Protein backbone atom coordinates (compact mmCIF):
# COMPACT_ATOMS: atom_id res chain seq x y z
CA UNK A 1 0.00 0.00 0.00
CA UNK A 2 1.40 3.39 -1.01
CA UNK A 3 0.11 6.84 -0.13
CA UNK A 4 0.46 9.97 -2.27
CA UNK A 5 -1.47 13.07 -3.20
CA UNK A 6 -4.70 12.33 -5.04
CA UNK A 7 -5.04 14.96 -7.76
CA UNK A 8 -7.76 13.54 -10.01
CA UNK A 9 -10.64 11.53 -8.48
CA UNK A 10 -11.79 8.10 -9.49
CA UNK A 11 -10.82 4.48 -8.75
CA UNK A 12 -9.27 2.23 -11.39
CA UNK A 13 -7.00 -0.80 -11.63
CA UNK A 14 -4.96 -2.64 -14.21
CA UNK A 15 -1.55 -3.80 -15.43
CA UNK A 16 1.38 -1.44 -14.92
CA UNK A 17 3.34 0.17 -17.75
CA UNK A 18 6.41 2.12 -16.68
CA UNK A 19 7.12 5.30 -18.62
CA UNK A 20 10.63 5.38 -20.10
CA UNK A 21 12.84 7.91 -18.35
CA UNK A 22 15.40 10.19 -20.04
CA UNK A 23 18.83 8.77 -20.85
CA UNK A 24 20.37 11.06 -18.25
CA UNK A 25 23.32 13.39 -18.43
CA UNK A 26 25.33 12.77 -21.66
CA UNK A 27 29.14 12.55 -21.41
CA UNK A 28 31.25 15.69 -21.86
CA UNK A 29 33.71 13.89 -24.10
CA UNK A 30 35.55 12.90 -26.12
CA UNK A 31 35.83 16.24 -27.93
CA UNK A 32 34.54 16.20 -31.52
CA UNK A 33 37.12 15.81 -34.25
CA UNK A 34 35.25 18.39 -36.36
CA UNK A 35 33.53 20.93 -34.06
CA UNK A 36 31.95 22.80 -36.95
CA UNK A 37 30.30 19.66 -38.33
CA UNK A 38 29.28 18.58 -34.84
CA UNK A 39 27.59 21.92 -34.13
CA UNK A 40 25.65 21.66 -37.39
CA UNK A 41 23.92 18.50 -36.11
CA UNK A 42 22.03 20.46 -33.46
CA UNK A 43 19.58 22.54 -35.52
CA UNK A 44 18.27 19.56 -37.54
CA UNK A 45 17.76 17.59 -34.31
CA UNK A 46 15.70 20.39 -32.73
CA UNK A 47 13.70 20.71 -35.96
CA UNK A 48 12.87 16.99 -35.93
CA UNK A 49 11.74 17.19 -32.31
CA UNK A 50 9.68 20.32 -32.99
CA UNK A 51 8.07 18.67 -36.02
CA UNK A 52 7.12 15.60 -33.98
CA UNK A 53 5.58 17.72 -31.23
CA UNK A 54 3.75 19.88 -33.78
CA UNK A 55 2.29 16.79 -35.45
CA UNK A 56 1.08 15.54 -32.08
CA UNK A 57 -0.42 18.95 -31.35
CA UNK A 58 -2.42 18.83 -34.59
CA UNK A 59 -4.01 15.58 -33.45
CA UNK A 60 -4.87 16.96 -30.00
CA UNK A 61 -7.47 19.41 -28.72
CA UNK A 62 -7.98 21.84 -25.83
CA UNK A 63 -5.34 22.09 -23.12
CA UNK A 64 -3.39 19.17 -24.59
CA UNK A 65 -3.05 20.92 -27.94
CA UNK A 66 -1.92 24.14 -26.28
CA UNK A 67 0.71 22.36 -24.19
CA UNK A 68 2.14 20.49 -27.18
CA UNK A 69 2.27 23.68 -29.25
CA UNK A 70 4.13 25.49 -26.46
CA UNK A 71 6.65 22.66 -26.10
CA UNK A 72 7.17 22.57 -29.88
CA UNK A 73 7.91 26.30 -29.85
CA UNK A 74 10.53 25.75 -27.14
CA UNK A 75 12.16 23.01 -29.22
CA UNK A 76 12.39 25.37 -32.19
CA UNK A 77 13.76 28.27 -30.13
CA UNK A 78 16.80 29.64 -32.04
CA UNK A 79 18.33 30.91 -28.77
CA UNK A 80 18.69 27.34 -27.49
CA UNK A 81 20.25 26.21 -30.78
CA UNK A 82 22.68 29.14 -30.89
CA UNK A 83 23.78 28.64 -27.29
CA UNK A 84 24.35 24.92 -27.84
CA UNK A 85 26.28 25.49 -31.07
CA UNK A 86 28.56 27.95 -29.29
CA UNK A 87 29.28 25.40 -26.56
CA UNK A 88 30.37 22.88 -29.19
CA UNK A 89 32.82 25.29 -30.82
CA UNK A 90 34.09 27.09 -27.72
CA UNK A 91 34.22 24.24 -25.16
CA UNK A 92 34.75 21.35 -27.61
CA UNK A 93 31.66 19.55 -26.33
CA UNK A 94 29.76 16.78 -28.16
CA UNK A 95 26.44 18.05 -29.54
CA UNK A 96 24.32 16.12 -27.02
CA UNK A 97 26.28 17.49 -24.07
CA UNK A 98 26.14 21.02 -25.48
CA UNK A 99 22.33 20.86 -25.75
CA UNK A 100 22.15 19.51 -22.20
CA UNK A 101 24.24 22.38 -20.79
CA UNK A 102 22.50 25.07 -22.84
CA UNK A 103 19.09 23.87 -21.67
CA UNK A 104 20.34 23.84 -18.07
CA UNK A 105 21.07 27.55 -18.34
CA UNK A 106 17.57 28.30 -19.59
CA UNK A 107 16.04 26.09 -16.87
CA UNK A 108 18.04 27.82 -14.13
CA UNK A 109 16.80 31.23 -15.31
CA UNK A 110 13.17 30.07 -15.32
CA UNK A 111 13.55 28.41 -11.92
CA UNK A 112 14.99 31.60 -10.43
CA UNK A 113 12.02 33.59 -11.77
CA UNK A 114 9.65 31.43 -9.73
CA UNK A 115 5.88 31.03 -10.03
CA UNK A 116 4.42 30.66 -13.52
CA UNK A 117 7.86 30.86 -15.17
CA UNK A 118 9.20 28.09 -12.92
CA UNK A 119 6.38 25.87 -14.19
CA UNK A 120 8.05 26.00 -17.62
CA UNK A 121 11.22 24.27 -16.32
CA UNK A 122 9.68 20.85 -16.91
CA UNK A 123 8.91 21.89 -20.50
CA UNK A 124 12.48 22.89 -21.31
CA UNK A 125 13.83 19.73 -19.66
CA UNK A 126 11.46 17.65 -21.79
CA UNK A 127 12.68 19.38 -24.95
CA UNK A 128 16.29 18.87 -23.83
CA UNK A 129 15.78 15.14 -23.26
CA UNK A 130 14.10 14.65 -26.63
CA UNK A 131 16.82 16.51 -28.54
CA UNK A 132 19.58 14.66 -26.64
CA UNK A 133 17.93 11.33 -27.47
CA UNK A 134 17.75 12.30 -31.14
CA UNK A 135 21.44 13.26 -31.20
CA UNK A 136 22.44 10.03 -29.45
CA UNK A 137 20.29 7.94 -31.79
CA UNK A 138 18.22 6.39 -29.00
CA UNK A 139 14.49 6.17 -28.35
CA UNK A 140 13.01 9.37 -26.83
CA UNK A 141 11.68 9.27 -23.27
CA UNK A 142 7.98 9.08 -22.71
CA UNK A 143 4.91 6.89 -22.87
CA UNK A 144 5.30 3.76 -25.03
CA UNK A 145 2.58 2.54 -27.34
CA UNK A 146 -0.02 0.84 -25.15
CA UNK A 147 -1.37 -2.49 -26.33
CA UNK A 148 -4.05 -2.67 -23.65
CA UNK A 149 -5.63 -0.36 -21.04
CA UNK A 150 -2.94 0.20 -18.41
CA UNK A 151 -1.90 2.12 -15.31
CA UNK A 152 1.00 4.42 -16.21
CA UNK A 153 3.74 4.72 -13.57
CA UNK A 154 6.57 7.24 -13.89
CA UNK A 155 9.10 9.28 -11.98
CA UNK A 156 7.27 12.25 -13.47
CA UNK A 157 5.43 12.91 -16.70
CA UNK A 158 6.58 15.56 -19.12
CA UNK A 159 3.98 18.00 -20.46
CA UNK A 160 4.13 16.39 -23.90
CA UNK A 161 3.52 12.98 -22.35
CA UNK A 162 0.42 14.06 -20.44
CA UNK A 163 -0.88 16.03 -23.41
CA UNK A 164 -0.71 13.01 -25.70
CA UNK A 165 -2.47 10.52 -23.44
CA UNK A 166 -5.34 8.45 -24.80
CA UNK A 167 -8.02 8.17 -22.07
CA UNK A 168 -9.25 4.95 -23.68
CA UNK A 169 -5.87 3.30 -23.02
CA UNK A 170 -4.83 4.95 -19.75
CA UNK A 171 -6.70 3.67 -16.69
CA UNK A 172 -4.81 5.80 -14.14
CA UNK A 173 -1.61 7.78 -13.58
CA UNK A 174 0.86 7.32 -10.73
CA UNK A 175 4.02 9.42 -10.38
CA UNK A 176 6.73 9.59 -7.73
CA UNK A 177 7.10 13.36 -8.17
CA UNK A 178 4.74 16.22 -9.01
CA UNK A 179 2.15 18.15 -7.06
CA UNK A 180 -1.51 19.26 -7.15
CA UNK A 181 -0.80 21.98 -9.73
CA UNK A 182 1.56 19.99 -11.98
CA UNK A 183 0.84 19.25 -15.65
CA UNK A 184 0.03 15.67 -14.68
CA UNK A 185 -2.61 16.83 -12.21
CA UNK A 186 -4.23 19.46 -14.42
CA UNK A 187 -4.50 17.30 -17.54
CA UNK A 188 -5.53 14.17 -15.63
CA UNK A 189 -8.50 16.13 -14.28
CA UNK A 190 -9.24 17.51 -17.74
CA UNK A 191 -9.24 14.00 -19.22
CA UNK A 192 -11.09 12.43 -16.29
CA UNK A 193 -8.24 9.97 -15.55
CA UNK A 194 -7.65 9.05 -11.88
CA UNK A 195 -4.20 10.24 -10.79
CA UNK A 196 -2.01 10.15 -7.68
CA UNK A 197 1.30 12.03 -7.48
CA UNK A 198 4.18 12.11 -4.97
CA UNK A 199 3.97 8.32 -4.46
CA UNK A 200 7.48 7.65 -3.17
CA UNK A 201 8.89 4.14 -3.68
CA UNK A 202 6.35 2.83 -6.17
CA UNK A 203 8.93 2.37 -8.96
CA UNK A 204 11.34 0.46 -6.72
CA UNK A 205 8.52 -1.94 -5.79
CA UNK A 206 8.18 -2.93 -9.47
CA UNK A 207 4.44 -3.72 -9.23
CA UNK A 208 2.81 -5.70 -12.04
CA UNK A 209 -0.68 -4.42 -11.26
CA UNK A 210 -2.03 -1.49 -9.24
CA UNK A 211 -5.33 -0.33 -7.78
CA UNK A 212 -5.41 3.49 -7.83
CA UNK A 213 -7.77 5.72 -5.86
CA UNK A 214 -7.40 9.31 -7.09
CA UNK A 215 -9.81 10.60 -4.45
CA UNK A 216 -7.97 9.29 -1.39
CA UNK A 217 -4.41 9.17 -2.79
CA UNK A 218 -4.06 5.46 -1.94
CA UNK A 219 -2.22 3.20 -4.41
CA UNK A 220 -2.50 -0.52 -3.66
CA UNK A 221 -0.48 -3.48 -4.93
CA UNK A 222 -3.03 -6.33 -5.14
CA UNK A 223 -2.14 -9.61 -3.41
CA UNK A 224 -3.17 -11.63 -6.46
CA UNK A 225 -4.35 -11.25 -10.07
CA UNK A 226 -7.20 -8.77 -10.56
CA UNK A 227 -9.58 -7.90 -13.36
CA UNK A 228 -8.72 -4.46 -14.74
CA UNK A 229 -11.39 -1.79 -14.45
CA UNK A 230 -11.69 1.85 -15.44
CA UNK A 231 -13.08 4.67 -13.34
CA UNK A 232 -16.78 5.27 -13.63
CA UNK A 233 -17.61 8.24 -15.77
CA UNK A 234 -19.37 10.98 -13.81
CA UNK A 235 -22.96 11.58 -14.80
CA UNK A 236 -22.12 15.21 -15.47
CA UNK A 237 -24.51 15.36 -18.42
CA UNK A 238 -27.35 15.36 -15.89
CA UNK A 239 -26.35 18.82 -14.57
CA UNK A 240 -28.87 21.48 -15.57
CA UNK A 241 -26.34 24.31 -15.69
CA UNK A 242 -27.36 25.97 -12.41
CA UNK A 243 -25.08 25.60 -9.40
CA UNK A 244 -27.33 24.59 -6.52
CA UNK A 245 -27.36 22.04 -3.69
CA UNK A 246 -30.07 19.38 -3.37
CA UNK A 247 -32.06 21.65 -1.03
CA UNK A 248 -31.76 24.80 -3.12
CA UNK A 249 -28.71 26.61 -1.75
CA UNK A 250 -27.23 28.66 -4.61
CA UNK A 251 -23.53 28.09 -5.40
CA UNK A 252 -22.20 29.74 -8.55
CA UNK A 253 -20.12 27.39 -10.72
CA UNK A 254 -17.67 29.59 -12.63
CA UNK A 255 -14.62 29.24 -14.86
CA UNK A 256 -10.96 30.22 -14.68
CA UNK A 257 -9.83 31.71 -18.00
CA UNK A 258 -6.77 33.42 -19.44
CA UNK A 259 -7.67 33.84 -23.11
CA UNK A 260 -10.53 34.06 -25.58
CA UNK A 261 -10.08 30.34 -26.32
CA UNK A 262 -10.44 29.55 -22.60
CA UNK A 263 -13.57 31.72 -22.45
CA UNK A 264 -15.27 29.87 -25.30
CA UNK A 265 -14.38 26.50 -23.74
CA UNK A 266 -15.94 27.70 -20.48
CA UNK A 267 -19.15 28.75 -22.23
CA UNK A 268 -19.32 25.40 -24.03
CA UNK A 269 -18.91 23.63 -20.67
CA UNK A 270 -21.85 25.54 -19.18
CA UNK A 271 -20.01 27.94 -16.87
CA UNK A 272 -22.30 30.47 -15.18
CA UNK A 273 -19.63 33.14 -15.54
CA UNK A 274 -15.93 33.69 -14.82
CA UNK A 275 -14.50 33.65 -11.31
CA UNK A 276 -10.94 34.38 -12.42
CA UNK A 277 -9.78 36.11 -15.60
CA UNK A 278 -5.96 36.03 -15.51
CA UNK A 279 -5.17 39.18 -17.48
CA UNK A 280 -1.38 38.80 -17.32
CA UNK A 281 -1.48 35.67 -19.49
CA UNK A 282 -2.04 37.91 -22.52
CA UNK A 283 1.20 39.80 -21.91
CA UNK A 284 3.82 37.34 -20.71
CA UNK A 285 5.89 37.96 -23.87
CA UNK A 286 5.21 41.71 -24.22
CA UNK A 287 8.34 43.89 -24.24
CA UNK A 288 6.35 47.13 -23.97
CA UNK A 289 3.25 47.95 -21.94
CA UNK A 290 0.17 47.47 -24.14
CA UNK A 291 -1.85 50.62 -24.76
CA UNK A 292 -5.28 51.06 -23.18
CA UNK A 293 -6.82 50.37 -26.60
CA UNK A 294 -4.79 47.17 -27.05
CA UNK A 295 -5.74 45.97 -23.59
CA UNK A 296 -9.40 46.80 -24.18
CA UNK A 297 -9.42 44.70 -27.36
CA UNK A 298 -7.77 41.75 -25.62
CA UNK A 299 -10.14 41.88 -22.65
CA UNK A 300 -13.23 42.33 -24.83
CA UNK A 301 -12.38 39.13 -26.72
CA UNK A 302 -12.54 37.23 -23.43
CA UNK A 303 -15.60 39.04 -22.05
CA UNK A 304 -17.73 38.85 -25.21
CA UNK A 305 -18.95 35.23 -24.82
CA UNK A 306 -20.26 36.12 -21.34
CA UNK A 307 -22.65 38.95 -22.24
CA UNK A 308 -24.91 39.58 -19.25
CA UNK A 309 -23.00 37.17 -17.03
CA UNK A 310 -20.65 37.90 -14.12
CA UNK A 311 -16.90 38.06 -14.75
CA UNK A 312 -14.25 38.74 -12.13
CA UNK A 313 -11.14 40.23 -13.68
CA UNK A 314 -7.88 39.93 -11.76
CA UNK A 315 -5.54 42.85 -12.24
CA UNK A 316 -1.97 41.99 -13.26
CA UNK A 317 -0.54 39.27 -11.05
CA UNK A 318 2.89 40.26 -12.23
CA UNK A 319 6.30 40.82 -10.77
CA UNK A 320 8.91 38.29 -9.74
CA UNK A 321 6.31 35.51 -9.84
CA UNK A 322 5.35 36.18 -13.47
CA UNK A 323 7.95 38.70 -14.68
CA UNK A 324 6.65 40.99 -17.41
CA UNK A 325 9.44 42.61 -19.40
CA UNK A 326 7.70 45.99 -19.65
CA UNK A 327 7.65 46.27 -15.85
CA UNK A 328 11.47 45.89 -15.64
CA UNK A 329 11.45 43.73 -12.50
CA UNK A 330 14.58 43.71 -10.36
CA UNK A 331 16.24 40.37 -9.49
CA UNK A 332 15.08 39.02 -6.13
CA UNK A 333 16.57 36.32 -3.89
CA UNK A 334 13.13 34.84 -3.09
CA UNK A 335 10.63 35.71 -5.85
CA UNK A 336 7.64 34.06 -4.17
CA UNK A 337 7.99 36.56 -1.32
CA UNK A 338 8.93 39.52 -3.46
CA UNK A 339 7.28 42.39 -5.32
CA UNK A 340 4.31 40.84 -7.08
CA UNK A 341 0.58 41.39 -7.50
CA UNK A 342 -0.72 44.48 -5.74
CA UNK A 343 2.81 45.37 -4.67
CA UNK A 344 3.68 46.03 -8.31
CA UNK A 345 0.50 48.09 -8.72
CA UNK A 346 1.43 50.33 -5.80
CA UNK A 347 4.87 50.92 -7.25
CA UNK A 348 3.53 51.47 -10.79
CA UNK A 349 0.17 53.16 -10.20
CA UNK A 350 -0.08 54.33 -13.79
CA UNK A 351 0.03 50.73 -15.05
CA UNK A 352 -2.90 49.82 -12.76
CA UNK A 353 -4.93 52.91 -13.72
CA UNK A 354 -4.52 52.20 -17.42
CA UNK A 355 -5.52 48.58 -16.92
CA UNK A 356 -8.62 49.57 -14.96
CA UNK A 357 -9.59 52.01 -17.73
CA UNK A 358 -9.25 49.24 -20.32
CA UNK A 359 -11.31 46.81 -18.22
CA UNK A 360 -14.14 49.33 -17.78
CA UNK A 361 -14.14 50.10 -21.51
CA UNK A 362 -14.22 46.39 -22.40
CA UNK A 363 -17.12 45.83 -19.99
CA UNK A 364 -19.09 48.67 -21.60
CA UNK A 365 -18.31 47.27 -25.05
CA UNK A 366 -19.40 43.69 -24.33
CA UNK A 367 -22.18 44.02 -21.75
CA UNK A 368 -20.52 41.62 -19.32
CA UNK A 369 -21.08 42.20 -15.59
CA UNK A 370 -17.48 42.92 -14.64
CA UNK A 371 -15.90 43.07 -11.18
CA UNK A 372 -12.19 43.44 -10.49
CA UNK A 373 -9.92 42.03 -7.81
CA UNK A 374 -6.31 42.54 -6.82
CA UNK A 375 -3.90 39.64 -6.21
CA UNK A 376 -1.49 39.06 -3.30
CA UNK A 377 -3.21 41.39 -0.85
CA UNK A 378 -1.83 40.99 2.68
CA UNK A 379 -3.32 43.88 4.70
CA UNK A 380 -6.58 45.76 5.18
CA UNK A 381 -4.84 48.96 4.10
CA UNK A 382 -3.85 47.40 0.75
CA UNK A 383 -7.42 46.19 0.22
CA UNK A 384 -8.86 49.64 0.95
CA UNK A 385 -6.34 51.33 -1.33
CA UNK A 386 -7.22 49.05 -4.24
CA UNK A 387 -10.98 49.30 -3.75
CA UNK A 388 -10.81 53.10 -3.70
CA UNK A 389 -8.70 53.11 -6.88
CA UNK A 390 -11.05 50.73 -8.67
CA UNK A 391 -14.19 52.62 -7.67
CA UNK A 392 -12.63 55.88 -8.85
CA UNK A 393 -12.00 54.23 -12.24
CA UNK A 394 -15.69 53.39 -12.59
CA UNK A 395 -15.72 49.80 -11.32
CA UNK A 396 -18.79 49.08 -9.18
CA UNK A 397 -17.58 45.89 -7.47
CA UNK A 398 -14.02 45.66 -6.22
CA UNK A 399 -12.57 42.73 -4.32
CA UNK A 400 -9.28 41.11 -3.42
CA UNK A 401 -7.70 37.68 -3.59
CA UNK A 402 -6.81 36.05 -0.30
CA UNK A 403 -3.62 34.11 -0.97
CA UNK A 404 -1.60 35.24 2.05
CA UNK A 405 -2.37 33.88 5.54
CA UNK A 406 -2.20 37.41 6.97
CA UNK A 407 -5.19 38.42 4.85
CA UNK A 408 -7.17 35.39 6.04
CA UNK A 409 -6.51 36.38 9.64
CA UNK A 410 -7.97 39.86 9.09
CA UNK A 411 -10.77 38.78 6.75
CA UNK A 412 -13.42 40.46 8.94
CA UNK A 413 -11.78 43.85 8.43
CA UNK A 414 -11.10 43.26 4.74
CA UNK A 415 -14.80 42.61 4.13
CA UNK A 416 -15.41 46.06 5.57
CA UNK A 417 -13.61 47.74 2.64
CA UNK A 418 -14.38 45.48 -0.37
CA UNK A 419 -17.48 43.95 -1.96
CA UNK A 420 -16.15 40.36 -2.16
CA UNK A 421 -13.09 38.14 -1.78
CA UNK A 422 -11.79 35.20 -3.76
CA UNK A 423 -9.44 32.61 -2.28
CA UNK A 424 -6.46 31.44 -4.34
CA UNK A 425 -5.94 28.06 -2.71
CA UNK A 426 -2.76 27.27 -4.68
CA UNK A 427 -0.79 30.17 -3.20
CA UNK A 428 -2.58 30.13 0.15
CA UNK A 429 -1.48 26.50 0.59
CA UNK A 430 2.06 27.38 -0.47
CA UNK A 431 2.39 30.21 2.04
CA UNK A 432 0.52 28.48 4.87
CA UNK A 433 2.59 25.28 4.72
CA UNK A 434 5.87 26.95 3.59
CA UNK A 435 5.92 24.49 0.69
CA UNK A 436 6.94 25.56 -2.82
CA UNK A 437 4.05 24.53 -5.05
CA UNK A 438 6.48 23.56 -7.85
CA UNK A 439 8.64 21.25 -5.74
CA UNK A 440 7.73 17.55 -5.81
CA UNK A 441 9.61 16.86 -2.57
CA UNK A 442 7.06 18.91 -0.60
CA UNK A 443 3.98 18.09 -2.66
CA UNK A 444 2.39 16.25 0.26
CA UNK A 445 2.50 19.49 2.27
CA UNK A 446 1.22 21.63 -0.59
CA UNK A 447 -2.11 19.82 -0.64
CA UNK A 448 -5.52 21.57 -0.74
CA UNK A 449 -6.88 19.01 1.74
CA UNK A 450 -4.46 20.13 4.47
CA UNK A 451 -6.56 20.71 7.62
CA UNK A 452 -4.63 23.92 8.41
CA UNK A 453 -5.53 25.34 4.99
CA UNK A 454 -9.19 24.31 5.38
CA UNK A 455 -9.35 26.01 8.78
CA UNK A 456 -8.11 29.27 7.22
CA UNK A 457 -10.76 28.95 4.51
CA UNK A 458 -13.35 28.33 7.23
CA UNK A 459 -12.32 31.58 8.94
CA UNK A 460 -12.82 33.44 5.68
CA UNK A 461 -16.19 31.75 5.14
CA UNK A 462 -17.35 32.80 8.61
CA UNK A 463 -16.24 36.37 7.96
CA UNK A 464 -18.16 36.36 4.66
CA UNK A 465 -21.33 35.10 6.34
CA UNK A 466 -21.03 37.70 9.08
CA UNK A 467 -20.52 40.51 6.54
CA UNK A 468 -23.25 39.24 4.21
CA UNK A 469 -20.79 39.32 1.29
CA UNK A 470 -19.61 36.58 -1.08
CA UNK A 471 -16.41 34.58 -0.78
CA UNK A 472 -15.31 32.41 -3.70
CA UNK A 473 -12.53 29.94 -4.41
CA UNK A 474 -10.64 30.09 -7.70
CA UNK A 475 -7.71 27.75 -6.98
CA UNK A 476 -7.38 24.14 -8.15
CA UNK A 477 -9.23 23.01 -5.00
CA UNK A 478 -12.54 24.02 -6.58
CA UNK A 479 -12.12 21.45 -9.37
CA UNK A 480 -12.30 18.48 -6.97
CA UNK A 481 -16.00 17.51 -6.58
CA UNK A 482 -15.59 16.20 -3.02
CA UNK A 483 -13.47 19.15 -1.90
CA UNK A 484 -15.96 21.51 -3.56
CA UNK A 485 -18.58 20.17 -1.15
CA UNK A 486 -16.28 20.83 1.81
CA UNK A 487 -15.74 24.41 0.59
CA UNK A 488 -19.50 24.96 0.41
CA UNK A 489 -19.78 23.68 3.97
CA UNK A 490 -17.11 26.20 5.02
CA UNK A 491 -19.18 29.13 3.75
CA UNK A 492 -17.92 29.52 0.18
CA UNK A 493 -20.59 30.80 -2.20
CA UNK A 494 -18.90 30.42 -5.61
CA UNK A 495 -16.42 27.97 -7.11
CA UNK A 496 -14.24 28.72 -10.13
CA UNK A 497 -12.29 26.07 -12.02
CA UNK A 498 -10.96 24.86 -15.38
CA UNK A 499 -13.60 24.24 -18.03
CA UNK A 500 -13.19 20.45 -17.94
CA UNK A 501 -14.31 20.27 -14.29
CA UNK A 502 -17.40 22.49 -14.51
CA UNK A 503 -20.12 19.97 -15.31
CA UNK A 504 -18.66 17.35 -12.98
CA UNK A 505 -18.57 19.75 -10.02
CA UNK A 506 -22.00 21.18 -10.83
CA UNK A 507 -23.53 17.70 -10.94
CA UNK A 508 -21.82 16.65 -7.70
CA UNK A 509 -23.03 19.72 -5.78
CA UNK A 510 -26.64 18.97 -6.68
CA UNK A 511 -26.53 15.55 -5.01
CA UNK A 512 -26.26 16.69 -1.38
CA UNK A 513 -27.88 19.21 0.93
CA UNK A 514 -26.32 22.23 2.59
CA UNK A 515 -26.45 20.44 5.95
CA UNK A 516 -24.55 17.46 4.54
CA UNK A 517 -21.83 19.75 3.26
CA UNK A 518 -21.56 21.40 6.66
CA UNK A 519 -21.12 17.96 8.22
CA UNK A 520 -18.38 16.90 5.79
CA UNK A 521 -16.65 20.25 6.32
CA UNK A 522 -16.57 19.62 10.07
CA UNK A 523 -15.15 16.14 9.47
CA UNK A 524 -12.39 17.57 7.28
CA UNK A 525 -11.53 20.29 9.79
CA UNK A 526 -10.93 17.86 12.65
CA UNK A 527 -8.83 15.47 10.56
CA UNK A 528 -5.14 15.26 11.38
CA UNK A 529 -3.85 14.66 7.84
CA UNK A 530 -4.97 15.39 4.27
CA UNK A 531 -5.38 11.64 3.72
CA UNK A 532 -7.69 11.39 6.74
CA UNK A 533 -9.72 14.35 5.49
CA UNK A 534 -10.04 12.88 2.00
CA UNK A 535 -11.04 9.47 3.29
CA UNK A 536 -13.61 10.82 5.76
CA UNK A 537 -15.29 13.06 3.20
CA UNK A 538 -15.19 10.39 0.50
CA UNK A 539 -16.92 7.92 2.83
CA UNK A 540 -19.58 10.43 3.88
CA UNK A 541 -20.42 11.54 0.33
CA UNK A 542 -20.44 8.00 -1.02
């Protein structure tokens, strides 16, 4: 019996297929006899890898297609090729070693940036491993062709691996690394495949078959032969599109979006609106600040499909966490605790004012019911400052994200100066447990089922009830149907998630009463571990 972090619910079992790992660090010698010819091998290798990833992207859809396209672009990046070619000629390295070292430099820079940029480290390492394999003339790492439905077991899965999975052939995913916000977790939920990450020791055990419970995080080696079975498909088609409990308590089921494509996917999934519009995703590659008119056009494209529906727009969550070139961020020793979110806005007030003007104009243009919220708020004074600024710009409803424990502790006072709050459970977990959300070694700590995190959310829910104002959740926690019920029991009135989870969560909420959700919330709060909380709630809701 192994225990990990369940990141995609469902129970399945079957034969194990181990995902091939990268070849490892290539040798630094012997030096090439013809450095010029050796360096010329690199560009064709990256082109072959990019072409393969592009072809796989063309056969994929949704998030999988987007991930494969992004990875293909990284493989074709001329900066990587140029750096590797220079290492061949200047350091007399073999081509494979040169690519390995060049990619390491790019990965170190992304890792130092932290946050969203650090999430791209796995992408560049995947590209590196594929190009190295091509240059060495060996099979690339990744998922082999499956001859029968199987449970995939891996050290970790690269983005291109998860994006190319066939749900008809993959019964479940089990990895030794990864966390609740990893590519494996996000795409497993999108595909409806049970998944458990951070399962230490499962590869060394060399199991032939596994029983995987993505809800509880338990992975079991059966004592004898078993009949494979797939997870039951949720009856999400039965959801009528209105977020409500069995006894009529209204809970808005909303979407997280970052682009016009995301917005359309959310509408198609039946979202009642948008609980988180990540505006910075449109400008991660911008070298200059977009004009008000350019921002208005970009925002309007996202708002348009939601005419007459509520949309909460988050102002730029930028800074060391998601460095935007036009903001000229200074290097920081600990980016996660640096100048980001509202801290950037207070240093660059003009940037915030221009963004607010563009948001208001886009709302008028599209007829969407727009509210705004600021990220990374830690104090009542910051919340009041933002709300005043937003109201002066013509925004009727201004709120803040609670991602810092300090803000949760003063939630009563924060509700006195804003119209609503939204809880970013990914960052709130990271800061509460002092566990980097990108680091597999602490994934068990950075778990949305942590009782300490749930108690903070409960404090916020009580403050919301007392103030008579809404509190939502827009982190990955909202996409888990069982955890969504706990959040409702803690006083949360809206849940925002990726498009793939909307119908499943909406259908699950309608099965139980408000009183039941309050009972499961109490059970989760008194649990000593995330596993205990998961198991208790799973048993009660089953």
